[in-house]
PDB file of N, CA and C in Angstrom:
ATOM      1  N   UNK A   1       3.564   9.228  -6.598  1.00  0.00           N
ATOM      2  CA  UNK A   1       3.721  10.323  -5.674  1.00  0.00           C
ATOM      3  C   UNK A   1       4.627   9.874  -4.538  1.00  0.00           C
ATOM      4  N   UNK A   2       5.691  10.584  -4.327  1.00  0.00           N
ATOM      5  CA  UNK A   2       6.590  10.254  -3.228  1.00  0.00           C
ATOM      6  C   UNK A   2       6.176  11.052  -2.006  1.00  0.00           C
ATOM      7  N   UNK A   3       6.147  10.395  -0.883  1.00  0.00           N
ATOM      8  CA  UNK A   3       5.735  11.035   0.352  1.00  0.00           C
ATOM      9  C   UNK A   3       6.951  11.526   1.109  1.00  0.00           C
ATOM     10  N   UNK A   4       6.804  12.666   1.774  1.00  0.00           N
ATOM     11  CA  UNK A   4       7.905  13.142   2.606  1.00  0.00           C
ATOM     12  C   UNK A   4       8.017  12.258   3.838  1.00  0.00           C
ATOM     13  N   UNK A   5       9.193  12.232   4.429  1.00  0.00           N
ATOM     14  CA  UNK A   5       9.418  11.379   5.603  1.00  0.00           C
ATOM     15  C   UNK A   5       8.484  11.758   6.747  1.00  0.00           C
ATOM     16  N   UNK A   6       8.272  13.051   6.960  1.00  0.00           N
ATOM     17  CA  UNK A   6       7.398  13.489   8.056  1.00  0.00           C
ATOM     18  C   UNK A   6       5.962  13.051   7.808  1.00  0.00           C
ATOM     19  N   UNK A   7       5.514  13.205   6.583  1.00  0.00           N
ATOM     20  CA  UNK A   7       4.152  12.801   6.242  1.00  0.00           C
ATOM     21  C   UNK A   7       4.016  11.293   6.361  1.00  0.00           C
ATOM     22  N   UNK A   8       5.001  10.581   5.853  1.00  0.00           N
ATOM     23  CA  UNK A   8       5.036   9.122   5.993  1.00  0.00           C
ATOM     24  C   UNK A   8       4.830   8.718   7.444  1.00  0.00           C
ATOM     25  N   UNK A   9       5.662   9.282   8.289  1.00  0.00           N
ATOM     26  CA  UNK A   9       5.680   8.883   9.693  1.00  0.00           C
ATOM     27  C   UNK A   9       4.334   9.152  10.366  1.00  0.00           C
ATOM     28  N   UNK A  10       3.780  10.326  10.150  1.00  0.00           N
ATOM     29  CA  UNK A  10       2.512  10.689  10.784  1.00  0.00           C
ATOM     30  C   UNK A  10       1.383   9.784  10.312  1.00  0.00           C
ATOM     31  N   UNK A  11       1.291   9.573   9.017  1.00  0.00           N
ATOM     32  CA  UNK A  11       0.229   8.733   8.465  1.00  0.00           C
ATOM     33  C   UNK A  11       0.415   7.287   8.907  1.00  0.00           C
ATOM     34  N   UNK A  12       1.636   6.809   8.849  1.00  0.00           N
ATOM     35  CA  UNK A  12       1.899   5.417   9.228  1.00  0.00           C
ATOM     36  C   UNK A  12       1.559   5.176  10.696  1.00  0.00           C
ATOM     37  N   UNK A  13       1.957   6.089  11.557  1.00  0.00           N
ATOM     38  CA  UNK A  13       1.612   5.933  12.976  1.00  0.00           C
ATOM     39  C   UNK A  13       0.099   5.936  13.171  1.00  0.00           C
ATOM     40  N   UNK A  14      -0.590   6.813  12.458  1.00  0.00           N
ATOM     41  CA  UNK A  14      -2.047   6.837  12.542  1.00  0.00           C
ATOM     42  C   UNK A  14      -2.654   5.527  12.082  1.00  0.00           C
ATOM     43  N   UNK A  15      -2.121   4.977  11.008  1.00  0.00           N
ATOM     44  CA  UNK A  15      -2.635   3.700  10.494  1.00  0.00           C
ATOM     45  C   UNK A  15      -2.352   2.558  11.460  1.00  0.00           C
ATOM     46  N   UNK A  16      -1.179   2.556  12.052  1.00  0.00           N
ATOM     47  CA  UNK A  16      -0.852   1.529  13.038  1.00  0.00           C
ATOM     48  C   UNK A  16      -1.838   1.595  14.204  1.00  0.00           C
ATOM     49  N   UNK A  17      -2.239   2.815  14.553  1.00  0.00           N
ATOM     50  CA  UNK A  17      -3.207   3.011  15.640  1.00  0.00           C
ATOM     51  C   UNK A  17      -4.657   2.901  15.165  1.00  0.00           C
ATOM     52  N   UNK A  18      -4.834   2.434  13.932  1.00  0.00           N
ATOM     53  CA  UNK A  18      -6.154   2.181  13.336  1.00  0.00           C
ATOM     54  C   UNK A  18      -7.021   3.429  13.215  1.00  0.00           C
ATOM     55  N   UNK A  19      -6.373   4.543  12.940  1.00  0.00           N
ATOM     56  CA  UNK A  19      -7.084   5.799  12.710  1.00  0.00           C
ATOM     57  C   UNK A  19      -7.636   5.769  11.285  1.00  0.00           C
ATOM     58  N   UNK A  20      -8.939   5.728  11.159  1.00  0.00           N
ATOM     59  CA  UNK A  20      -9.584   5.591   9.843  1.00  0.00           C
ATOM     60  C   UNK A  20      -9.255   6.760   8.917  1.00  0.00           C
ATOM     61  N   UNK A  21      -9.126   7.953   9.463  1.00  0.00           N
ATOM     62  CA  UNK A  21      -8.798   9.116   8.628  1.00  0.00           C
ATOM     63  C   UNK A  21      -7.403   8.964   8.026  1.00  0.00           C
ATOM     64  N   UNK A  22      -6.472   8.489   8.835  1.00  0.00           N
ATOM     65  CA  UNK A  22      -5.106   8.293   8.330  1.00  0.00           C
ATOM     66  C   UNK A  22      -5.059   7.135   7.337  1.00  0.00           C
ATOM     67  N   UNK A  23      -5.851   6.096   7.578  1.00  0.00           N
ATOM     68  CA  UNK A  23      -5.924   4.989   6.622  1.00  0.00           C
ATOM     69  C   UNK A  23      -6.463   5.480   5.282  1.00  0.00           C
ATOM     70  N   UNK A  24      -7.451   6.342   5.333  1.00  0.00           N
ATOM     71  CA  UNK A  24      -8.013   6.896   4.095  1.00  0.00           C
ATOM     72  C   UNK A  24      -6.967   7.737   3.362  1.00  0.00           C
ATOM     73  N   UNK A  25      -6.225   8.560   4.114  1.00  0.00           N
ATOM     74  CA  UNK A  25      -5.160   9.363   3.502  1.00  0.00           C
ATOM     75  C   UNK A  25      -4.136   8.469   2.815  1.00  0.00           C
ATOM     76  N   UNK A  26      -3.728   7.427   3.525  1.00  0.00           N
ATOM     77  CA  UNK A  26      -2.742   6.510   2.956  1.00  0.00           C
ATOM     78  C   UNK A  26      -3.280   5.877   1.680  1.00  0.00           C
ATOM     79  N   UNK A  27      -4.524   5.422   1.730  1.00  0.00           N
ATOM     80  CA  UNK A  27      -5.147   4.814   0.550  1.00  0.00           C
ATOM     81  C   UNK A  27      -5.156   5.803  -0.614  1.00  0.00           C
ATOM     82  N   UNK A  28      -5.558   7.038  -0.350  1.00  0.00           N
ATOM     83  CA  UNK A  28      -5.635   8.036  -1.412  1.00  0.00           C
ATOM     84  C   UNK A  28      -4.264   8.362  -1.994  1.00  0.00           C
ATOM     85  N   UNK A  29      -3.239   8.318  -1.170  1.00  0.00           N
ATOM     86  CA  UNK A  29      -1.894   8.633  -1.641  1.00  0.00           C
ATOM     87  C   UNK A  29      -1.254   7.495  -2.429  1.00  0.00           C
ATOM     88  N   UNK A  30      -1.474   6.275  -2.002  1.00  0.00           N
ATOM     89  CA  UNK A  30      -0.749   5.134  -2.559  1.00  0.00           C
ATOM     90  C   UNK A  30      -1.550   4.332  -3.575  1.00  0.00           C
ATOM     91  N   UNK A  31      -2.867   4.355  -3.484  1.00  0.00           N
ATOM     92  CA  UNK A  31      -3.668   3.492  -4.365  1.00  0.00           C
ATOM     93  C   UNK A  31      -3.439   3.739  -5.856  1.00  0.00           C
ATOM     94  N   UNK A  32      -3.247   4.982  -6.327  1.00  0.00           N
ATOM     95  CA  UNK A  32      -3.000   5.134  -7.770  1.00  0.00           C
ATOM     96  C   UNK A  32      -1.751   4.388  -8.249  1.00  0.00           C
ATOM     97  N   UNK A  33      -0.688   4.441  -7.465  1.00  0.00           N
ATOM     98  CA  UNK A  33       0.547   3.744  -7.826  1.00  0.00           C
ATOM     99  C   UNK A  33       0.338   2.237  -7.847  1.00  0.00           C
ATOM    100  N   UNK A  34      -0.312   1.722  -6.803  1.00  0.00           N
ATOM    101  CA  UNK A  34      -0.555   0.281  -6.731  1.00  0.00           C
ATOM    102  C   UNK A  34      -1.505  -0.174  -7.830  1.00  0.00           C
ATOM    103  N   UNK A  35      -2.563   0.581  -8.057  1.00  0.00           N
ATOM    104  CA  UNK A  35      -3.540   0.214  -9.083  1.00  0.00           C
ATOM    105  C   UNK A  35      -2.866   0.148 -10.456  1.00  0.00           C
ATOM    106  N   UNK A  36      -2.016   1.119 -10.743  1.00  0.00           N
ATOM    107  CA  UNK A  36      -1.297   1.131 -12.021  1.00  0.00           C
ATOM    108  C   UNK A  36      -0.404  -0.105 -12.148  1.00  0.00           C
ATOM    109  N   UNK A  37       0.306  -0.451 -11.087  1.00  0.00           N
ATOM    110  CA  UNK A  37       1.177  -1.638 -11.118  1.00  0.00           C
ATOM    111  C   UNK A  37       0.359  -2.902 -11.342  1.00  0.00           C
ATOM    112  N   UNK A  38      -0.784  -2.992 -10.686  1.00  0.00           N
ATOM    113  CA  UNK A  38      -1.643  -4.170 -10.832  1.00  0.00           C
ATOM    114  C   UNK A  38      -2.179  -4.263 -12.252  1.00  0.00           C
ATOM    115  N   UNK A  39      -2.627  -3.154 -12.799  1.00  0.00           N
ATOM    116  CA  UNK A  39      -3.159  -3.154 -14.171  1.00  0.00           C
ATOM    117  C   UNK A  39      -2.066  -3.502 -15.180  1.00  0.00           C
ATOM    118  N   UNK A  40      -0.840  -3.041 -14.937  1.00  0.00           N
ATOM    119  CA  UNK A  40       0.270  -3.359 -15.844  1.00  0.00           C
ATOM    120  C   UNK A  40       0.555  -4.854 -15.875  1.00  0.00           C
ATOM    121  N   UNK A  41       0.154  -5.552 -14.826  1.00  0.00           N
ATOM    122  CA  UNK A  41       0.323  -7.005 -14.791  1.00  0.00           C
ATOM    123  C   UNK A  41      -0.789  -7.731 -15.539  1.00  0.00           C
ATOM    124  N   UNK A  42      -1.673  -6.979 -16.181  1.00  0.00           N
ATOM    125  CA  UNK A  42      -2.673  -7.579 -17.062  1.00  0.00           C
ATOM    126  C   UNK A  42      -4.028  -7.854 -16.449  1.00  0.00           C
ATOM    127  N   UNK A  43      -4.254  -7.382 -15.245  1.00  0.00           N
ATOM    128  CA  UNK A  43      -5.547  -7.616 -14.609  1.00  0.00           C
ATOM    129  C   UNK A  43      -6.594  -6.634 -15.137  1.00  0.00           C
ATOM    130  N   UNK A  44      -7.842  -7.094 -15.180  1.00  0.00           N
ATOM    131  CA  UNK A  44      -8.948  -6.221 -15.586  1.00  0.00           C
ATOM    132  C   UNK A  44      -9.177  -5.187 -14.483  1.00  0.00           C
ATOM    133  N   UNK A  45      -9.914  -4.115 -14.789  1.00  0.00           N
ATOM    134  CA  UNK A  45     -10.198  -3.128 -13.738  1.00  0.00           C
ATOM    135  C   UNK A  45     -10.887  -3.735 -12.509  1.00  0.00           C
ATOM    136  N   UNK A  46     -11.815  -4.639 -12.718  1.00  0.00           N
ATOM    137  CA  UNK A  46     -12.513  -5.261 -11.588  1.00  0.00           C
ATOM    138  C   UNK A  46     -11.553  -6.126 -10.779  1.00  0.00           C
ATOM    139  N   UNK A  47     -10.735  -6.922 -11.465  1.00  0.00           N
ATOM    140  CA  UNK A  47      -9.739  -7.745 -10.768  1.00  0.00           C
ATOM    141  C   UNK A  47      -8.753  -6.861 -10.009  1.00  0.00           C
ATOM    142  N   UNK A  48      -8.338  -5.770 -10.652  1.00  0.00           N
ATOM    143  CA  UNK A  48      -7.367  -4.869 -10.033  1.00  0.00           C
ATOM    144  C   UNK A  48      -7.920  -4.253  -8.751  1.00  0.00           C
ATOM    145  N   UNK A  49      -9.192  -3.885  -8.757  1.00  0.00           N
ATOM    146  CA  UNK A  49      -9.807  -3.323  -7.547  1.00  0.00           C
ATOM    147  C   UNK A  49      -9.815  -4.345  -6.413  1.00  0.00           C
ATOM    148  N   UNK A  50     -10.146  -5.592  -6.743  1.00  0.00           N
ATOM    149  CA  UNK A  50     -10.171  -6.647  -5.720  1.00  0.00           C
ATOM    150  C   UNK A  50      -8.777  -6.896  -5.157  1.00  0.00           C
ATOM    151  N   UNK A  51      -7.800  -6.937  -6.039  1.00  0.00           N
ATOM    152  CA  UNK A  51      -6.415  -7.149  -5.606  1.00  0.00           C
ATOM    153  C   UNK A  51      -5.941  -5.968  -4.764  1.00  0.00           C
ATOM    154  N   UNK A  52      -6.309  -4.768  -5.169  1.00  0.00           N
ATOM    155  CA  UNK A  52      -5.926  -3.566  -4.429  1.00  0.00           C
ATOM    156  C   UNK A  52      -6.418  -3.635  -2.984  1.00  0.00           C
ATOM    157  N   UNK A  53      -7.634  -4.094  -2.796  1.00  0.00           N
ATOM    158  CA  UNK A  53      -8.174  -4.249  -1.438  1.00  0.00           C
ATOM    159  C   UNK A  53      -7.327  -5.244  -0.650  1.00  0.00           C
ATOM    160  N   UNK A  54      -6.981  -6.364  -1.275  1.00  0.00           N
ATOM    161  CA  UNK A  54      -6.156  -7.374  -0.598  1.00  0.00           C
ATOM    162  C   UNK A  54      -4.793  -6.804  -0.218  1.00  0.00           C
ATOM    163  N   UNK A  55      -4.220  -6.025  -1.125  1.00  0.00           N
ATOM    164  CA  UNK A  55      -2.909  -5.434  -0.861  1.00  0.00           C
ATOM    165  C   UNK A  55      -2.997  -4.476   0.326  1.00  0.00           C
ATOM    166  N   UNK A  56      -4.041  -3.662   0.364  1.00  0.00           N
ATOM    167  CA  UNK A  56      -4.159  -2.720   1.478  1.00  0.00           C
ATOM    168  C   UNK A  56      -4.424  -3.417   2.804  1.00  0.00           C
ATOM    169  N   UNK A  57      -5.153  -4.496   2.790  1.00  0.00           N
ATOM    170  CA  UNK A  57      -5.335  -5.269   4.026  1.00  0.00           C
ATOM    171  C   UNK A  57      -3.966  -5.714   4.534  1.00  0.00           C
ATOM    172  N   UNK A  58      -3.152  -6.225   3.630  1.00  0.00           N
ATOM    173  CA  UNK A  58      -1.813  -6.689   4.018  1.00  0.00           C
ATOM    174  C   UNK A  58      -0.921  -5.518   4.442  1.00  0.00           C
ATOM    175  N   UNK A  59      -1.012  -4.399   3.742  1.00  0.00           N
ATOM    176  CA  UNK A  59      -0.223  -3.215   4.123  1.00  0.00           C
ATOM    177  C   UNK A  59      -0.577  -2.793   5.544  1.00  0.00           C
ATOM    178  N   UNK A  60      -1.870  -2.688   5.835  1.00  0.00           N
ATOM    179  CA  UNK A  60      -2.280  -2.250   7.168  1.00  0.00           C
ATOM    180  C   UNK A  60      -1.855  -3.245   8.244  1.00  0.00           C
ATOM    181  N   UNK A  61      -1.872  -4.536   7.923  1.00  0.00           N
ATOM    182  CA  UNK A  61      -1.446  -5.552   8.887  1.00  0.00           C
ATOM    183  C   UNK A  61       0.065  -5.529   9.105  1.00  0.00           C
ATOM    184  N   UNK A  62       0.809  -5.073   8.104  1.00  0.00           N
ATOM    185  CA  UNK A  62       2.272  -5.174   8.130  1.00  0.00           C
ATOM    186  C   UNK A  62       2.989  -3.856   8.397  1.00  0.00           C
ATOM    187  N   UNK A  63       2.268  -2.785   8.619  1.00  0.00           N
ATOM    188  CA  UNK A  63       2.901  -1.468   8.733  1.00  0.00           C
ATOM    189  C   UNK A  63       3.980  -1.391   9.807  1.00  0.00           C
ATOM    190  N   UNK A  64       3.824  -2.134  10.868  1.00  0.00           N
ATOM    191  CA  UNK A  64       4.828  -2.085  11.931  1.00  0.00           C
ATOM    192  C   UNK A  64       6.176  -2.629  11.463  1.00  0.00           C
ATOM    193  N   UNK A  65       6.174  -3.382  10.372  1.00  0.00           N
ATOM    194  CA  UNK A  65       7.412  -3.948   9.825  1.00  0.00           C
ATOM    195  C   UNK A  65       8.112  -2.992   8.860  1.00  0.00           C
ATOM    196  N   UNK A  66       7.432  -1.915   8.478  1.00  0.00           N
ATOM    197  CA  UNK A  66       8.010  -0.965   7.525  1.00  0.00           C
ATOM    198  C   UNK A  66       9.235  -0.286   8.125  1.00  0.00           C
ATOM    199  N   UNK A  67      10.319  -0.260   7.350  1.00  0.00           N
ATOM    200  CA  UNK A  67      11.551   0.415   7.749  1.00  0.00           C
ATOM    201  C   UNK A  67      11.523   1.825   7.164  1.00  0.00           C
ATOM    202  N   UNK A  68      11.476   2.858   8.002  1.00  0.00           N
ATOM    203  CA  UNK A  68      11.388   4.233   7.502  1.00  0.00           C
ATOM    204  C   UNK A  68      12.558   4.658   6.619  1.00  0.00           C
ATOM    205  N   UNK A  69      13.625   3.885   6.606  1.00  0.00           N
ATOM    206  CA  UNK A  69      14.752   4.210   5.730  1.00  0.00           C
ATOM    207  C   UNK A  69      14.452   3.847   4.278  1.00  0.00           C
ATOM    208  N   UNK A  70      13.446   3.014   4.068  1.00  0.00           N
ATOM    209  CA  UNK A  70      13.045   2.614   2.716  1.00  0.00           C
ATOM    210  C   UNK A  70      11.989   3.575   2.175  1.00  0.00           C
ATOM    211  N   UNK A  71      11.912   3.674   0.854  1.00  0.00           N
ATOM    212  CA  UNK A  71      10.832   4.456   0.247  1.00  0.00           C
ATOM    213  C   UNK A  71       9.512   3.726   0.479  1.00  0.00           C
ATOM    214  N   UNK A  72       8.533   4.461   0.966  1.00  0.00           N
ATOM    215  CA  UNK A  72       7.271   3.829   1.329  1.00  0.00           C
ATOM    216  C   UNK A  72       6.569   3.213   0.123  1.00  0.00           C
ATOM    217  N   UNK A  73       6.567   3.920  -1.003  1.00  0.00           N
ATOM    218  CA  UNK A  73       5.927   3.371  -2.208  1.00  0.00           C
ATOM    219  C   UNK A  73       6.569   2.058  -2.617  1.00  0.00           C
ATOM    220  N   UNK A  74       7.890   1.992  -2.549  1.00  0.00           N
ATOM    221  CA  UNK A  74       8.586   0.756  -2.908  1.00  0.00           C
ATOM    222  C   UNK A  74       8.189  -0.377  -1.971  1.00  0.00           C
ATOM    223  N   UNK A  75       8.081  -0.068  -0.692  1.00  0.00           N
ATOM    224  CA  UNK A  75       7.680  -1.082   0.276  1.00  0.00           C
ATOM    225  C   UNK A  75       6.276  -1.593  -0.037  1.00  0.00           C
ATOM    226  N   UNK A  76       5.359  -0.688  -0.375  1.00  0.00           N
ATOM    227  CA  UNK A  76       3.991  -1.088  -0.724  1.00  0.00           C
ATOM    228  C   UNK A  76       3.983  -1.960  -1.974  1.00  0.00           C
ATOM    229  N   UNK A  77       4.800  -1.612  -2.944  1.00  0.00           N
ATOM    230  CA  UNK A  77       4.887  -2.431  -4.158  1.00  0.00           C
ATOM    231  C   UNK A  77       5.457  -3.812  -3.839  1.00  0.00           C
ATOM    232  N   UNK A  78       6.370  -3.889  -2.888  1.00  0.00           N
ATOM    233  CA  UNK A  78       6.901  -5.190  -2.469  1.00  0.00           C
ATOM    234  C   UNK A  78       5.816  -6.035  -1.804  1.00  0.00           C
ATOM    235  N   UNK A  79       4.936  -5.391  -1.052  1.00  0.00           N
ATOM    236  CA  UNK A  79       3.807  -6.113  -0.451  1.00  0.00           C
ATOM    237  C   UNK A  79       2.958  -6.717  -1.561  1.00  0.00           C
ATOM    238  N   UNK A  80       2.685  -5.930  -2.593  1.00  0.00           N
ATOM    239  CA  UNK A  80       1.912  -6.437  -3.732  1.00  0.00           C
ATOM    240  C   UNK A  80       2.635  -7.611  -4.393  1.00  0.00           C
ATOM    241  N   UNK A  81       3.924  -7.480  -4.617  1.00  0.00           N
ATOM    242  CA  UNK A  81       4.690  -8.549  -5.267  1.00  0.00           C
ATOM    243  C   UNK A  81       4.664  -9.835  -4.446  1.00  0.00           C
ATOM    244  N   UNK A  82       4.777  -9.714  -3.133  1.00  0.00           N
ATOM    245  CA  UNK A  82       4.719 -10.906  -2.275  1.00  0.00           C
ATOM    246  C   UNK A  82       3.353 -11.583  -2.370  1.00  0.00           C
ATOM    247  N   UNK A  83       2.292 -10.796  -2.369  1.00  0.00           N
ATOM    248  CA  UNK A  83       0.950 -11.374  -2.500  1.00  0.00           C
ATOM    249  C   UNK A  83       0.776 -12.041  -3.860  1.00  0.00           C
ATOM    250  N   UNK A  84       1.317 -11.414  -4.882  1.00  0.00           N
ATOM    251  CA  UNK A  84       1.212 -11.968  -6.236  1.00  0.00           C
ATOM    252  C   UNK A  84       1.945 -13.307  -6.317  1.00  0.00           C
ATOM    253  N   UNK A  85       3.135 -13.372  -5.735  1.00  0.00           N
ATOM    254  CA  UNK A  85       3.903 -14.616  -5.753  1.00  0.00           C
ATOM    255  C   UNK A  85       3.224 -15.701  -4.926  1.00  0.00           C
ATOM    256  N   UNK A  86       2.620 -15.323  -3.815  1.00  0.00           N
ATOM    257  CA  UNK A  86       1.938 -16.300  -2.965  1.00  0.00           C
ATOM    258  C   UNK A  86       0.718 -16.885  -3.669  1.00  0.00           C
ATOM    259  N   UNK A  87       0.102 -16.101  -4.545  1.00  0.00           N
ATOM    260  CA  UNK A  87      -1.095 -16.562  -5.258  1.00  0.00           C
ATOM    261  C   UNK A  87      -0.741 -17.417  -6.467  1.00  0.00           C
ATOM    262  N   UNK A  88       0.510 -17.343  -6.913  1.00  0.00           N
ATOM    263  CA  UNK A  88       0.916 -18.078  -8.124  1.00  0.00           C
ATOM    264  C   UNK A  88       1.084 -19.560  -7.875  1.00  0.00           C
TER     265      UNK A  88
END
């Protein structure tokens, strides 16, 4: 699911300000894409859920670094890839 720039901006600002409702929205919008990518890498459903939590912790910590000119989903997938490489 691709997010519109306006929706991106509003949700991201809410998440940066630690708004739990906006964090939940972000999770609901992005988690299916991330979960699918994690499962495609061969992880079991239980492993994928654990990794997904780790990825979202990193996403929430790093949101201020997100460049709005980039696609948000791609940026989130890059966060996952960095975590995967760091664990290897």
